[in-house]
Amino acid sequence: MAEVKVKLFANLREKVGTSELQLSGEKVIDVLLSLTEKYPELKNLIFEEPKGASEAPVMCGSINVLINGNNARHLDGLDTLLSDADELAVLPPVSGG
């Protein structure tokens, strides 16, 4: 399993109380599930409600997850493999002027 730095932004950072933490996982989904297990209040902000009990988690369309600056959606999505020292940034939608 890879040890990755997870960076949180905007309301995610506010809910957790920190902008960075270390988590481990083989894939992006593993790290995000670990994050939402540790901070359950993030679950509905990161994942959509499952339609069925056995359905795999689906990331909210408004959330962007970057791995070393590359959008996970342009890689293998939640199944993107991680390596030690990768940086995973979780960005919620942000607006402002």
PDB file of N, CA and C in Angstrom:
ATOM      1  N   MET A   1       0.828  -1.186   0.000  1.00  0.00           N
ATOM      2  CA  MET A   1       0.000   0.000   0.000  1.00  0.00           C
ATOM      3  C   MET A   1       0.870   1.246   0.000  1.00  0.00           C
ATOM      4  N   ALA A   2       0.409   2.225  -0.719  1.00  0.00           N
ATOM      5  CA  ALA A   2       1.152   3.477  -0.823  1.00  0.00           C
ATOM      6  C   ALA A   2       0.764   4.426   0.303  1.00  0.00           C
ATOM      7  N   GLU A   3       1.739   5.181   0.771  1.00  0.00           N
ATOM      8  CA  GLU A   3       1.504   6.261   1.726  1.00  0.00           C
ATOM      9  C   GLU A   3       1.430   7.546   0.914  1.00  0.00           C
ATOM     10  N   VAL A   4       0.277   8.216   0.939  1.00  0.00           N
ATOM     11  CA  VAL A   4       0.093   9.420   0.130  1.00  0.00           C
ATOM     12  C   VAL A   4      -0.278  10.609   1.007  1.00  0.00           C
ATOM     13  N   LYS A   5       0.085  11.784   0.519  1.00  0.00           N
ATOM     14  CA  LYS A   5      -0.320  13.024   1.171  1.00  0.00           C
ATOM     15  C   LYS A   5      -1.669  13.420   0.570  1.00  0.00           C
ATOM     16  N   VAL A   6      -2.652  13.647   1.417  1.00  0.00           N
ATOM     17  CA  VAL A   6      -3.977  14.068   0.971  1.00  0.00           C
ATOM     18  C   VAL A   6      -4.137  15.533   1.352  1.00  0.00           C
ATOM     19  N   LYS A   7      -4.414  16.359   0.339  1.00  0.00           N
ATOM     20  CA  LYS A   7      -4.625  17.786   0.567  1.00  0.00           C
ATOM     21  C   LYS A   7      -6.109  18.080   0.382  1.00  0.00           C
ATOM     22  N   LEU A   8      -6.690  18.769   1.361  1.00  0.00           N
ATOM     23  CA  LEU A   8      -8.113  19.103   1.333  1.00  0.00           C
ATOM     24  C   LEU A   8      -8.278  20.602   1.162  1.00  0.00           C
ATOM     25  N   PHE A   9      -9.321  20.990   0.448  1.00  0.00           N
ATOM     26  CA  PHE A   9      -9.549  22.398   0.160  1.00  0.00           C
ATOM     27  C   PHE A   9     -10.966  22.814   0.538  1.00  0.00           C
ATOM     28  N   ALA A  10     -11.138  24.116   0.735  1.00  0.00           N
ATOM     29  CA  ALA A  10     -12.428  24.769   0.981  1.00  0.00           C
ATOM     30  C   ALA A  10     -13.199  24.105   2.125  1.00  0.00           C
ATOM     31  N   ASN A  11     -14.473  23.756   1.888  1.00  0.00           N
ATOM     32  CA  ASN A  11     -15.311  23.226   2.968  1.00  0.00           C
ATOM     33  C   ASN A  11     -14.832  21.862   3.473  1.00  0.00           C
ATOM     34  N   LEU A  12     -14.124  21.102   2.663  1.00  0.00           N
ATOM     35  CA  LEU A  12     -13.576  19.824   3.132  1.00  0.00           C
ATOM     36  C   LEU A  12     -12.525  20.082   4.212  1.00  0.00           C
ATOM     37  N   ARG A  13     -11.672  21.042   3.960  1.00  0.00           N
ATOM     38  CA  ARG A  13     -10.627  21.412   4.934  1.00  0.00           C
ATOM     39  C   ARG A  13     -11.269  21.932   6.217  1.00  0.00           C
ATOM     40  N   GLU A  14     -12.321  22.739   6.080  1.00  0.00           N
ATOM     41  CA  GLU A  14     -13.002  23.297   7.255  1.00  0.00           C
ATOM     42  C   GLU A  14     -13.625  22.204   8.117  1.00  0.00           C
ATOM     43  N   LYS A  15     -14.243  21.213   7.486  1.00  0.00           N
ATOM     44  CA  LYS A  15     -14.899  20.133   8.236  1.00  0.00           C
ATOM     45  C   LYS A  15     -13.895  19.249   8.972  1.00  0.00           C
ATOM     46  N   VAL A  16     -12.729  19.025   8.366  1.00  0.00           N
ATOM     47  CA  VAL A  16     -11.715  18.158   8.957  1.00  0.00           C
ATOM     48  C   VAL A  16     -10.835  18.928   9.948  1.00  0.00           C
ATOM     49  N   GLY A  17     -10.633  20.214   9.703  1.00  0.00           N
ATOM     50  CA  GLY A  17      -9.810  21.014  10.598  1.00  0.00           C
ATOM     51  C   GLY A  17      -8.339  21.010  10.261  1.00  0.00           C
ATOM     52  N   THR A  18      -7.998  20.457   9.102  1.00  0.00           N
ATOM     53  CA  THR A  18      -6.605  20.471   8.644  1.00  0.00           C
ATOM     54  C   THR A  18      -6.599  20.457   7.124  1.00  0.00           C
ATOM     55  N   SER A  19      -5.530  20.961   6.543  1.00  0.00           N
ATOM     56  CA  SER A  19      -5.452  21.002   5.081  1.00  0.00           C
ATOM     57  C   SER A  19      -4.707  19.806   4.501  1.00  0.00           C
ATOM     58  N   GLU A  20      -3.972  19.066   5.352  1.00  0.00           N
ATOM     59  CA  GLU A  20      -3.185  17.923   4.865  1.00  0.00           C
ATOM     60  C   GLU A  20      -3.200  16.791   5.867  1.00  0.00           C
ATOM     61  N   LEU A  21      -3.199  15.568   5.339  1.00  0.00           N
ATOM     62  CA  LEU A  21      -3.011  14.400   6.186  1.00  0.00           C
ATOM     63  C   LEU A  21      -2.410  13.280   5.363  1.00  0.00           C
ATOM     64  N   GLN A  22      -1.849  12.306   6.033  1.00  0.00           N
ATOM     65  CA  GLN A  22      -1.256  11.138   5.388  1.00  0.00           C
ATOM     66  C   GLN A  22      -2.227   9.973   5.502  1.00  0.00           C
ATOM     67  N   LEU A  23      -2.497   9.316   4.389  1.00  0.00           N
ATOM     68  CA  LEU A  23      -3.329   8.116   4.378  1.00  0.00           C
ATOM     69  C   LEU A  23      -2.675   7.094   3.474  1.00  0.00           C
ATOM     70  N   SER A  24      -3.100   5.859   3.597  1.00  0.00           N
ATOM     71  CA  SER A  24      -2.528   4.827   2.750  1.00  0.00           C
ATOM     72  C   SER A  24      -3.621   4.118   1.975  1.00  0.00           C
ATOM     73  N   GLY A  25      -3.233   3.617   0.808  1.00  0.00           N
ATOM     74  CA  GLY A  25      -4.155   2.875  -0.037  1.00  0.00           C
ATOM     75  C   GLY A  25      -3.477   2.480  -1.329  1.00  0.00           C
ATOM     76  N   GLU A  26      -4.003   1.437  -1.932  1.00  0.00           N
ATOM     77  CA  GLU A  26      -3.462   0.974  -3.207  1.00  0.00           C
ATOM     78  C   GLU A  26      -3.981   1.811  -4.365  1.00  0.00           C
ATOM     79  N   LYS A  27      -5.269   2.209  -4.255  1.00  0.00           N
ATOM     80  CA  LYS A  27      -5.937   2.975  -5.317  1.00  0.00           C
ATOM     81  C   LYS A  27      -6.575   4.220  -4.716  1.00  0.00           C
ATOM     82  N   VAL A  28      -6.998   5.126  -5.593  1.00  0.00           N
ATOM     83  CA  VAL A  28      -7.675   6.350  -5.167  1.00  0.00           C
ATOM     84  C   VAL A  28      -8.891   6.013  -4.313  1.00  0.00           C
ATOM     85  N   ILE A  29      -9.685   5.035  -4.723  1.00  0.00           N
ATOM     86  CA  ILE A  29     -10.883   4.673  -3.968  1.00  0.00           C
ATOM     87  C   ILE A  29     -10.532   4.267  -2.547  1.00  0.00           C
ATOM     88  N   ASP A  30      -9.434   3.550  -2.352  1.00  0.00           N
ATOM     89  CA  ASP A  30      -9.020   3.116  -1.016  1.00  0.00           C
ATOM     90  C   ASP A  30      -8.744   4.317  -0.110  1.00  0.00           C
ATOM     91  N   VAL A  31      -8.056   5.302  -0.650  1.00  0.00           N
ATOM     92  CA  VAL A  31      -7.715   6.494   0.134  1.00  0.00           C
ATOM     93  C   VAL A  31      -8.971   7.297   0.446  1.00  0.00           C
ATOM     94  N   LEU A  32      -9.858   7.465  -0.536  1.00  0.00           N
ATOM     95  CA  LEU A  32     -11.082   8.227  -0.295  1.00  0.00           C
ATOM     96  C   LEU A  32     -11.998   7.523   0.710  1.00  0.00           C
ATOM     97  N   LEU A  33     -12.081   6.201   0.638  1.00  0.00           N
ATOM     98  CA  LEU A  33     -12.886   5.462   1.615  1.00  0.00           C
ATOM     99  C   LEU A  33     -12.275   5.570   3.008  1.00  0.00           C
ATOM    100  N   SER A  34     -10.959   5.528   3.094  1.00  0.00           N
ATOM    101  CA  SER A  34     -10.275   5.700   4.374  1.00  0.00           C
ATOM    102  C   SER A  34     -10.544   7.095   4.936  1.00  0.00           C
ATOM    103  N   LEU A  35     -10.504   8.096   4.070  1.00  0.00           N
ATOM    104  CA  LEU A  35     -10.773   9.476   4.472  1.00  0.00           C
ATOM    105  C   LEU A  35     -12.194   9.621   5.008  1.00  0.00           C
ATOM    106  N   THR A  36     -13.183   9.055   4.298  1.00  0.00           N
ATOM    107  CA  THR A  36     -14.573   9.194   4.727  1.00  0.00           C
ATOM    108  C   THR A  36     -14.907   8.309   5.924  1.00  0.00           C
ATOM    109  N   GLU A  37     -14.113   7.274   6.132  1.00  0.00           N
ATOM    110  CA  GLU A  37     -14.290   6.458   7.337  1.00  0.00           C
ATOM    111  C   GLU A  37     -13.780   7.227   8.556  1.00  0.00           C
ATOM    112  N   LYS A  38     -12.667   7.907   8.367  1.00  0.00           N
ATOM    113  CA  LYS A  38     -12.077   8.694   9.452  1.00  0.00           C
ATOM    114  C   LYS A  38     -12.890   9.960   9.720  1.00  0.00           C
ATOM    115  N   TYR A  39     -13.457  10.538   8.660  1.00  0.00           N
ATOM    116  CA  TYR A  39     -14.260  11.767   8.759  1.00  0.00           C
ATOM    117  C   TYR A  39     -15.597  11.540   8.051  1.00  0.00           C
ATOM    118  N   PRO A  40     -16.557  10.884   8.721  1.00  0.00           N
ATOM    119  CA  PRO A  40     -17.836  10.526   8.088  1.00  0.00           C
ATOM    120  C   PRO A  40     -18.605  11.717   7.513  1.00  0.00           C
ATOM    121  N   GLU A  41     -18.379  12.912   8.044  1.00  0.00           N
ATOM    122  CA  GLU A  41     -19.084  14.093   7.551  1.00  0.00           C
ATOM    123  C   GLU A  41     -18.688  14.450   6.118  1.00  0.00           C
ATOM    124  N   LEU A  42     -17.611  13.854   5.604  1.00  0.00           N
ATOM    125  CA  LEU A  42     -17.176  14.114   4.229  1.00  0.00           C
ATOM    126  C   LEU A  42     -17.835  13.178   3.211  1.00  0.00           C
ATOM    127  N   LYS A  43     -18.420  12.089   3.688  1.00  0.00           N
ATOM    128  CA  LYS A  43     -18.926  11.054   2.784  1.00  0.00           C
ATOM    129  C   LYS A  43     -19.898  11.609   1.743  1.00  0.00           C
ATOM    130  N   ASN A  44     -20.899  12.370   2.169  1.00  0.00           N
ATOM    131  CA  ASN A  44     -21.890  12.906   1.228  1.00  0.00           C
ATOM    132  C   ASN A  44     -21.348  14.037   0.362  1.00  0.00           C
ATOM    133  N   LEU A  45     -20.195  14.579   0.737  1.00  0.00           N
ATOM    134  CA  LEU A  45     -19.570  15.614  -0.079  1.00  0.00           C
ATOM    135  C   LEU A  45     -18.697  15.018  -1.177  1.00  0.00           C
ATOM    136  N   ILE A  46     -18.198  13.793  -0.953  1.00  0.00           N
ATOM    137  CA  ILE A  46     -17.284  13.162  -1.905  1.00  0.00           C
ATOM    138  C   ILE A  46     -17.974  12.110  -2.772  1.00  0.00           C
ATOM    139  N   PHE A  47     -18.888  11.349  -2.172  1.00  0.00           N
ATOM    140  CA  PHE A  47     -19.553  10.262  -2.900  1.00  0.00           C
ATOM    141  C   PHE A  47     -21.031  10.529  -3.091  1.00  0.00           C
ATOM    142  N   GLU A  48     -21.572  10.021  -4.197  1.00  0.00           N
ATOM    143  CA  GLU A  48     -23.015  10.063  -4.430  1.00  0.00           C
ATOM    144  C   GLU A  48     -23.676   8.980  -3.600  1.00  0.00           C
ATOM    145  N   GLU A  49     -24.965   9.156  -3.323  1.00  0.00           N
ATOM    146  CA  GLU A  49     -25.716   8.127  -2.609  1.00  0.00           C
ATOM    147  C   GLU A  49     -25.805   6.885  -3.485  1.00  0.00           C
ATOM    148  N   PRO A  50     -25.481   5.704  -2.931  1.00  0.00           N
ATOM    149  CA  PRO A  50     -25.599   4.475  -3.739  1.00  0.00           C
ATOM    150  C   PRO A  50     -27.062   4.172  -4.043  1.00  0.00           C
ATOM    151  N   LYS A  51     -27.320   3.708  -5.264  1.00  0.00           N
ATOM    152  CA  LYS A  51     -28.691   3.383  -5.663  1.00  0.00           C
ATOM    153  C   LYS A  51     -29.086   2.000  -5.152  1.00  0.00           C
ATOM    154  N   GLY A  52     -28.108   1.133  -4.979  1.00  0.00           N
ATOM    155  CA  GLY A  52     -28.357  -0.207  -4.462  1.00  0.00           C
ATOM    156  C   GLY A  52     -27.380  -0.526  -3.355  1.00  0.00           C
ATOM    157  N   ALA A  53     -27.726  -1.462  -2.511  1.00  0.00           N
ATOM    158  CA  ALA A  53     -26.890  -1.794  -1.355  1.00  0.00           C
ATOM    159  C   ALA A  53     -25.515  -2.312  -1.764  1.00  0.00           C
ATOM    160  N   SER A  54     -25.433  -3.001  -2.895  1.00  0.00           N
ATOM    161  CA  SER A  54     -24.155  -3.595  -3.297  1.00  0.00           C
ATOM    162  C   SER A  54     -23.414  -2.770  -4.352  1.00  0.00           C
ATOM    163  N   GLU A  55     -23.922  -1.594  -4.646  1.00  0.00           N
ATOM    164  CA  GLU A  55     -23.309  -0.760  -5.676  1.00  0.00           C
ATOM    165  C   GLU A  55     -21.988  -0.169  -5.179  1.00  0.00           C
ATOM    166  N   ALA A  56     -21.009  -0.144  -6.065  1.00  0.00           N
ATOM    167  CA  ALA A  56     -19.700   0.433  -5.738  1.00  0.00           C
ATOM    168  C   ALA A  56     -19.838   1.949  -5.572  1.00  0.00           C
ATOM    169  N   PRO A  57     -19.011   2.551  -4.731  1.00  0.00           N
ATOM    170  CA  PRO A  57     -19.070   4.003  -4.538  1.00  0.00           C
ATOM    171  C   PRO A  57     -18.790   4.759  -5.836  1.00  0.00           C
ATOM    172  N   VAL A  58     -19.489   5.866  -5.998  1.00  0.00           N
ATOM    173  CA  VAL A  58     -19.314   6.734  -7.165  1.00  0.00           C
ATOM    174  C   VAL A  58     -19.001   8.130  -6.650  1.00  0.00           C
ATOM    175  N   MET A  59     -17.947   8.722  -7.193  1.00  0.00           N
ATOM    176  CA  MET A  59     -17.554  10.057  -6.789  1.00  0.00           C
ATOM    177  C   MET A  59     -18.562  11.077  -7.311  1.00  0.00           C
ATOM    178  N   CYS A  60     -18.884  12.068  -6.485  1.00  0.00           N
ATOM    179  CA  CYS A  60     -19.772  13.156  -6.911  1.00  0.00           C
ATOM    180  C   CYS A  60     -19.179  13.827  -8.150  1.00  0.00           C
ATOM    181  N   GLY A  61     -20.054  14.216  -9.054  1.00  0.00           N
ATOM    182  CA  GLY A  61     -19.601  14.863 -10.281  1.00  0.00           C
ATOM    183  C   GLY A  61     -18.925  16.200 -10.053  1.00  0.00           C
ATOM    184  N   SER A  62     -19.227  16.839  -8.928  1.00  0.00           N
ATOM    185  CA  SER A  62     -18.662  18.160  -8.657  1.00  0.00           C
ATOM    186  C   SER A  62     -17.307  18.109  -7.950  1.00  0.00           C
ATOM    187  N   ILE A  63     -16.906  16.935  -7.497  1.00  0.00           N
ATOM    188  CA  ILE A  63     -15.615  16.784  -6.803  1.00  0.00           C
ATOM    189  C   ILE A  63     -14.522  16.467  -7.815  1.00  0.00           C
ATOM    190  N   ASN A  64     -13.394  17.103  -7.656  1.00  0.00           N
ATOM    191  CA  ASN A  64     -12.229  16.772  -8.475  1.00  0.00           C
ATOM    192  C   ASN A  64     -11.140  16.211  -7.569  1.00  0.00           C
ATOM    193  N   VAL A  65     -10.546  15.121  -8.012  1.00  0.00           N
ATOM    194  CA  VAL A  65      -9.426  14.521  -7.292  1.00  0.00           C
ATOM    195  C   VAL A  65      -8.232  14.545  -8.234  1.00  0.00           C
ATOM    196  N   LEU A  66      -7.187  15.209  -7.793  1.00  0.00           N
ATOM    197  CA  LEU A  66      -5.971  15.312  -8.591  1.00  0.00           C
ATOM    198  C   LEU A  66      -4.880  14.459  -7.966  1.00  0.00           C
ATOM    199  N   ILE A  67      -4.189  13.718  -8.801  1.00  0.00           N
ATOM    200  CA  ILE A  67      -3.048  12.919  -8.361  1.00  0.00           C
ATOM    201  C   ILE A  67      -1.816  13.555  -8.984  1.00  0.00           C
ATOM    202  N   ASN A  68      -1.000  14.152  -8.150  1.00  0.00           N
ATOM    203  CA  ASN A  68       0.191  14.863  -8.626  1.00  0.00           C
ATOM    204  C   ASN A  68      -0.173  15.864  -9.725  1.00  0.00           C
ATOM    205  N   GLY A  69      -1.318  16.523  -9.567  1.00  0.00           N
ATOM    206  CA  GLY A  69      -1.754  17.539 -10.512  1.00  0.00           C
ATOM    207  C   GLY A  69      -2.570  17.027 -11.689  1.00  0.00           C
ATOM    208  N   ASN A  70      -2.745  15.716 -11.814  1.00  0.00           N
ATOM    209  CA  ASN A  70      -3.514  15.135 -12.922  1.00  0.00           C
ATOM    210  C   ASN A  70      -4.885  14.684 -12.423  1.00  0.00           C
ATOM    211  N   ASN A  71      -5.927  15.098 -13.120  1.00  0.00           N
ATOM    212  CA  ASN A  71      -7.279  14.740 -12.721  1.00  0.00           C
ATOM    213  C   ASN A  71      -7.469  13.230 -12.815  1.00  0.00           C
ATOM    214  N   ALA A  72      -7.927  12.623 -11.722  1.00  0.00           N
ATOM    215  CA  ALA A  72      -8.140  11.166 -11.683  1.00  0.00           C
ATOM    216  C   ALA A  72      -9.130  10.720 -12.747  1.00  0.00           C
ATOM    217  N   ARG A  73     -10.073  11.588 -13.116  1.00  0.00           N
ATOM    218  CA  ARG A  73     -11.065  11.240 -14.148  1.00  0.00           C
ATOM    219  C   ARG A  73     -10.397  11.018 -15.501  1.00  0.00           C
ATOM    220  N   HIS A  74      -9.239  11.642 -15.716  1.00  0.00           N
ATOM    221  CA  HIS A  74      -8.510  11.488 -16.976  1.00  0.00           C
ATOM    222  C   HIS A  74      -7.510  10.336 -16.920  1.00  0.00           C
ATOM    223  N   LEU A  75      -7.412   9.708 -15.755  1.00  0.00           N
ATOM    224  CA  LEU A  75      -6.545   8.542 -15.586  1.00  0.00           C
ATOM    225  C   LEU A  75      -7.465   7.321 -15.518  1.00  0.00           C
ATOM    226  N   ASP A  76      -7.375   6.541 -14.458  1.00  0.00           N
ATOM    227  CA  ASP A  76      -8.254   5.381 -14.289  1.00  0.00           C
ATOM    228  C   ASP A  76      -9.326   5.623 -13.245  1.00  0.00           C
ATOM    229  N   GLY A  77      -9.665   6.904 -13.026  1.00  0.00           N
ATOM    230  CA  GLY A  77     -10.713   7.244 -12.074  1.00  0.00           C
ATOM    231  C   GLY A  77     -10.383   6.748 -10.676  1.00  0.00           C
ATOM    232  N   LEU A  78     -11.394   6.207 -10.008  1.00  0.00           N
ATOM    233  CA  LEU A  78     -11.207   5.718  -8.646  1.00  0.00           C
ATOM    234  C   LEU A  78     -10.275   4.519  -8.578  1.00  0.00           C
ATOM    235  N   ASP A  79     -10.054   3.859  -9.707  1.00  0.00           N
ATOM    236  CA  ASP A  79      -9.164   2.694  -9.754  1.00  0.00           C
ATOM    237  C   ASP A  79      -7.714   3.050 -10.068  1.00  0.00           C
ATOM    238  N   THR A  80      -7.391   4.343 -10.128  1.00  0.00           N
ATOM    239  CA  THR A  80      -6.024   4.771 -10.391  1.00  0.00           C
ATOM    240  C   THR A  80      -5.103   4.285  -9.269  1.00  0.00           C
ATOM    241  N   LEU A  81      -4.032   3.601  -9.662  1.00  0.00           N
ATOM    242  CA  LEU A  81      -3.062   3.086  -8.698  1.00  0.00           C
ATOM    243  C   LEU A  81      -2.207   4.217  -8.151  1.00  0.00           C
ATOM    244  N   LEU A  82      -1.848   4.099  -6.884  1.00  0.00           N
ATOM    245  CA  LEU A  82      -1.044   5.112  -6.214  1.00  0.00           C
ATOM    246  C   LEU A  82       0.325   4.561  -5.848  1.00  0.00           C
ATOM    247  N   SER A  83       1.291   5.461  -5.739  1.00  0.00           N
ATOM    248  CA  SER A  83       2.651   5.118  -5.316  1.00  0.00           C
ATOM    249  C   SER A  83       3.010   5.941  -4.093  1.00  0.00           C
ATOM    250  N   ASP A  84       3.987   5.450  -3.328  1.00  0.00           N
ATOM    251  CA  ASP A  84       4.465   6.219  -2.181  1.00  0.00           C
ATOM    252  C   ASP A  84       4.857   7.613  -2.628  1.00  0.00           C
ATOM    253  N   ALA A  85       4.554   8.584  -1.790  1.00  0.00           N
ATOM    254  CA  ALA A  85       4.895   9.993  -2.004  1.00  0.00           C
ATOM    255  C   ALA A  85       3.993  10.682  -3.026  1.00  0.00           C
ATOM    256  N   ASP A  86       2.957  10.004  -3.549  1.00  0.00           N
ATOM    257  CA  ASP A  86       1.993  10.694  -4.405  1.00  0.00           C
ATOM    258  C   ASP A  86       1.249  11.725  -3.565  1.00  0.00           C
ATOM    259  N   GLU A  87       0.761  12.760  -4.239  1.00  0.00           N
ATOM    260  CA  GLU A  87      -0.041  13.783  -3.582  1.00  0.00           C
ATOM    261  C   GLU A  87      -1.428  13.756  -4.195  1.00  0.00           C
ATOM    262  N   LEU A  88      -2.413  13.573  -3.352  1.00  0.00           N
ATOM    263  CA  LEU A  88      -3.797  13.486  -3.795  1.00  0.00           C
ATOM    264  C   LEU A  88      -4.520  14.724  -3.273  1.00  0.00           C
ATOM    265  N   ALA A  89      -5.026  15.554  -4.171  1.00  0.00           N
ATOM    266  CA  ALA A  89      -5.742  16.774  -3.786  1.00  0.00           C
ATOM    267  C   ALA A  89      -7.229  16.569  -4.051  1.00  0.00           C
ATOM    268  N   VAL A  90      -8.045  16.872  -3.052  1.00  0.00           N
ATOM    269  CA  VAL A  90      -9.503  16.722  -3.166  1.00  0.00           C
ATOM    270  C   VAL A  90     -10.103  18.120  -3.166  1.00  0.00           C
ATOM    271  N   LEU A  91     -10.712  18.476  -4.308  1.00  0.00           N
ATOM    272  CA  LEU A  91     -11.226  19.832  -4.494  1.00  0.00           C
ATOM    273  C   LEU A  91     -12.732  19.817  -4.709  1.00  0.00           C
ATOM    274  N   PRO A  92     -13.468  20.445  -3.799  1.00  0.00           N
ATOM    275  CA  PRO A  92     -14.907  20.591  -3.986  1.00  0.00           C
ATOM    276  C   PRO A  92     -15.170  21.773  -4.926  1.00  0.00           C
ATOM    277  N   PRO A  93     -16.406  21.914  -5.398  1.00  0.00           N
ATOM    278  CA  PRO A  93     -16.706  23.081  -6.229  1.00  0.00           C
ATOM    279  C   PRO A  93     -16.551  24.349  -5.392  1.00  0.00           C
ATOM    280  N   VAL A  94     -15.959  25.367  -5.978  1.00  0.00           N
ATOM    281  CA  VAL A  94     -15.738  26.626  -5.265  1.00  0.00           C
ATOM    282  C   VAL A  94     -16.203  27.752  -6.165  1.00  0.00           C
ATOM    283  N   SER A  95     -16.876  28.709  -5.564  1.00  0.00           N
ATOM    284  CA  SER A  95     -17.281  29.880  -6.345  1.00  0.00           C
ATOM    285  C   SER A  95     -16.864  31.125  -5.581  1.00  0.00           C
ATOM    286  N   GLY A  96     -16.837  32.192  -6.253  1.00  0.00           N
ATOM    287  CA  GLY A  96     -16.454  33.434  -5.618  1.00  0.00           C
ATOM    288  C   GLY A  96     -16.224  34.503  -6.665  1.00  0.00           C
ATOM    289  N   GLY A  97     -15.891  35.653  -6.207  1.00  0.00           N
ATOM    290  CA  GLY A  97     -15.726  36.727  -7.163  1.00  0.00           C
ATOM    291  C   GLY A  97     -14.552  37.580  -6.860  1.00  0.00           C
TER     292      GLY A  97
END
